[in-house]
């Protein structure tokens, strides 16, 4: 669990603002996660693997939007999705959130929460999703400042709604 907390702290780094650019999306196919999704081609990716988590973390060039998708590993992978979502929200410091009924998109059924959290002293809007996909307990988390979240809503919706299982 310490590795999971450390990972979350590392993933909350935010930088200065640059003007938004038109976004060309590229398709990512992760055999490890048995998942495909689309992200802007200019977003930087980092991969992290611990004993409890594997994550692909994407950051917009201006570092105002963070998107990560991954899976729980080891004993954490046996958590029910509802418990995994609750733990994720607790670790991220979600201050105001709304949990939604199960949502289906792209062939996956997610438990979802939306709301706000304070990360490194800054208010952030987020969407957090958890799903069971072909034996993988997926975690999806996207966050940005409320201003950036609103300004980029169509793009962020495209990214979130592009998640789909790889064909078996």
Protein backbone atom coordinates (compact mmCIF):
# COMPACT_ATOMS: atom_id res chain seq x y z
CA UNK A 1 0.00 0.00 0.00
CA UNK A 2 2.94 2.34 0.63
CA UNK A 3 3.99 1.96 -3.00
CA UNK A 4 0.48 2.88 -4.07
CA UNK A 5 0.56 6.02 -1.90
CA UNK A 6 4.00 6.94 -3.19
CA UNK A 7 2.82 6.51 -6.74
CA UNK A 8 -0.16 8.79 -6.16
CA UNK A 9 2.05 11.47 -4.66
CA UNK A 10 4.41 11.27 -7.65
CA UNK A 11 1.54 11.54 -10.09
CA UNK A 12 0.22 14.83 -8.67
CA UNK A 13 3.05 17.03 -9.98
CA UNK A 14 1.77 20.11 -11.79
CA UNK A 15 3.70 22.66 -13.83
CA UNK A 16 3.28 26.02 -15.53
CA UNK A 17 0.69 26.84 -18.15
CA UNK A 18 1.19 27.04 -21.89
CA UNK A 19 -1.46 27.79 -24.50
CA UNK A 20 -3.66 24.87 -25.53
CA UNK A 21 -3.05 23.41 -28.98
CA UNK A 22 -5.24 21.44 -31.37
CA UNK A 23 -5.09 17.80 -30.39
CA UNK A 24 -4.50 14.88 -32.73
CA UNK A 25 -5.39 11.65 -30.94
CA UNK A 26 -3.34 8.48 -31.27
CA UNK A 27 -4.57 5.00 -30.45
CA UNK A 28 -2.74 3.13 -27.70
CA UNK A 29 -3.07 -0.65 -27.45
CA UNK A 30 -1.85 -2.09 -24.18
CA UNK A 31 -1.50 -5.86 -24.22
CA UNK A 32 -0.53 -5.69 -20.54
CA UNK A 33 -3.90 -4.12 -19.65
CA UNK A 34 -5.83 -5.81 -22.49
CA UNK A 35 -7.09 -2.31 -23.29
CA UNK A 36 -7.06 0.25 -26.07
CA UNK A 37 -7.66 3.98 -25.77
CA UNK A 38 -6.87 7.28 -27.46
CA UNK A 39 -4.78 10.14 -26.12
CA UNK A 40 -3.39 13.31 -27.69
CA UNK A 41 -0.23 12.50 -29.62
CA UNK A 42 1.77 15.20 -27.82
CA UNK A 43 1.04 13.96 -24.29
CA UNK A 44 4.10 12.58 -22.49
CA UNK A 45 3.81 9.05 -21.09
CA UNK A 46 5.54 7.46 -18.12
CA UNK A 47 5.13 3.88 -16.95
CA UNK A 48 5.32 2.79 -13.35
CA UNK A 49 5.23 -0.71 -11.91
CA UNK A 50 5.15 -1.54 -8.21
CA UNK A 51 4.12 -4.65 -6.32
CA UNK A 52 0.56 -3.30 -6.13
CA UNK A 53 0.13 -1.27 -9.33
CA UNK A 54 1.01 -0.93 -13.01
CA UNK A 55 0.20 2.47 -14.55
CA UNK A 56 0.59 4.38 -17.79
CA UNK A 57 0.58 8.07 -16.83
CA UNK A 58 -0.04 10.71 -19.49
CA UNK A 59 0.59 14.43 -19.03
CA UNK A 60 -0.44 17.26 -21.35
CA UNK A 61 2.45 19.43 -22.63
CA UNK A 62 1.39 22.31 -20.35
CA UNK A 63 1.11 19.82 -17.44
CA UNK A 64 -2.40 21.01 -16.63
CA UNK A 65 -4.11 17.70 -17.46
CA UNK A 66 -3.09 14.35 -16.00
CA UNK A 67 -4.51 11.03 -17.20
CA UNK A 68 -3.53 7.65 -15.94
CA UNK A 69 -4.75 4.21 -16.67
CA UNK A 70 -3.52 1.08 -15.00
CA UNK A 71 -4.32 -2.01 -13.03
CA UNK A 72 -4.05 -3.16 -9.47
CA UNK A 73 -1.63 -6.03 -8.93
CA UNK A 74 -1.00 -8.66 -6.29
CA UNK A 75 -3.39 -8.87 -3.37
CA UNK A 76 -4.91 -5.49 -4.34
CA UNK A 77 -6.13 -6.99 -7.63
CA UNK A 78 -8.62 -9.10 -5.66
CA UNK A 79 -10.50 -6.08 -4.30
CA UNK A 80 -14.08 -5.65 -5.47
CA UNK A 81 -14.31 -2.66 -7.87
CA UNK A 82 -16.40 -0.63 -5.37
CA UNK A 83 -13.75 -1.04 -2.65
CA UNK A 84 -10.94 -0.19 -5.11
CA UNK A 85 -12.77 3.01 -6.13
CA UNK A 86 -13.28 4.02 -2.51
CA UNK A 87 -9.60 3.45 -1.70
CA UNK A 88 -8.58 5.44 -4.76
CA UNK A 89 -10.77 8.38 -3.69
CA UNK A 90 -9.44 8.27 -0.14
CA UNK A 91 -5.81 8.24 -1.30
CA UNK A 92 -6.41 11.08 -3.72
CA UNK A 93 -8.07 13.24 -1.08
CA UNK A 94 -11.37 13.61 -2.90
CA UNK A 95 -13.11 16.37 -0.93
CA UNK A 96 -16.38 16.62 -2.81
CA UNK A 97 -17.44 13.72 -4.94
CA UNK A 98 -20.42 12.03 -6.45
CA UNK A 99 -20.45 8.32 -7.12
CA UNK A 100 -22.47 7.28 -10.13
CA UNK A 101 -24.23 4.03 -10.96
CA UNK A 102 -22.28 1.62 -13.15
CA UNK A 103 -21.61 3.19 -16.54
CA UNK A 104 -20.91 1.29 -19.76
CA UNK A 105 -18.66 2.78 -22.41
CA UNK A 106 -16.68 1.10 -25.16
CA UNK A 107 -17.55 -2.39 -23.98
CA UNK A 108 -16.43 -1.82 -20.36
CA UNK A 109 -18.65 -1.38 -17.32
CA UNK A 110 -17.15 1.18 -14.93
CA UNK A 111 -17.90 2.36 -11.45
CA UNK A 112 -17.33 6.10 -11.63
CA UNK A 113 -16.86 9.03 -9.31
CA UNK A 114 -16.54 12.69 -10.26
CA UNK A 115 -15.70 15.62 -8.05
CA UNK A 116 -12.90 17.76 -6.70
CA UNK A 117 -9.71 17.18 -4.78
CA UNK A 118 -6.84 19.33 -3.56
CA UNK A 119 -3.54 18.21 -5.03
CA UNK A 120 -0.41 20.06 -3.96
CA UNK A 121 -2.53 22.93 -2.74
CA UNK A 122 -4.48 23.33 -5.99
CA UNK A 123 -8.14 22.56 -6.54
CA UNK A 124 -8.62 19.88 -9.22
CA UNK A 125 -11.65 18.37 -10.95
CA UNK A 126 -11.44 14.67 -11.61
CA UNK A 127 -13.12 11.63 -13.08
CA UNK A 128 -12.15 8.30 -11.49
CA UNK A 129 -13.24 4.96 -12.92
CA UNK A 130 -12.71 1.35 -11.88
CA UNK A 131 -13.62 -1.67 -14.03
CA UNK A 132 -13.00 -5.39 -14.20
CA UNK A 133 -11.65 -6.12 -17.69
CA UNK A 134 -10.74 -9.68 -18.65
CA UNK A 135 -9.36 -10.38 -15.18
CA UNK A 136 -7.65 -7.00 -14.80
CA UNK A 137 -8.91 -4.54 -12.17
CA UNK A 138 -8.50 -1.30 -14.13
CA UNK A 139 -8.04 2.13 -12.57
CA UNK A 140 -8.62 5.24 -14.67
CA UNK A 141 -8.07 8.72 -13.28
CA UNK A 142 -8.18 12.03 -15.15
CA UNK A 143 -7.79 15.41 -13.49
CA UNK A 144 -7.22 19.06 -14.29
CA UNK A 145 -7.87 22.46 -12.78
CA UNK A 146 -11.57 23.38 -13.01
CA UNK A 147 -10.70 25.98 -15.69
CA UNK A 148 -8.75 23.51 -17.83
CA UNK A 149 -11.28 20.75 -17.25
CA UNK A 150 -14.06 23.00 -18.58
CA UNK A 151 -12.03 24.39 -21.48
CA UNK A 152 -10.97 20.91 -22.62
CA UNK A 153 -14.17 19.02 -21.80
CA UNK A 154 -14.78 17.67 -25.35
CA UNK A 155 -11.19 16.38 -25.58
CA UNK A 156 -11.30 14.83 -22.11
CA UNK A 157 -14.61 13.14 -22.93
CA UNK A 158 -13.03 11.69 -26.09
CA UNK A 159 -10.13 10.28 -24.09
CA UNK A 160 -12.36 8.77 -21.39
CA UNK A 161 -14.89 7.37 -23.84
CA UNK A 162 -12.21 5.77 -26.02
CA UNK A 163 -11.37 3.09 -23.43
CA UNK A 164 -12.26 -0.36 -24.77
CA UNK A 165 -11.08 -3.94 -24.24
CA UNK A 166 -8.74 -5.45 -26.80
CA UNK A 167 -10.37 -8.24 -28.80
CA UNK A 168 -9.64 -11.67 -27.33
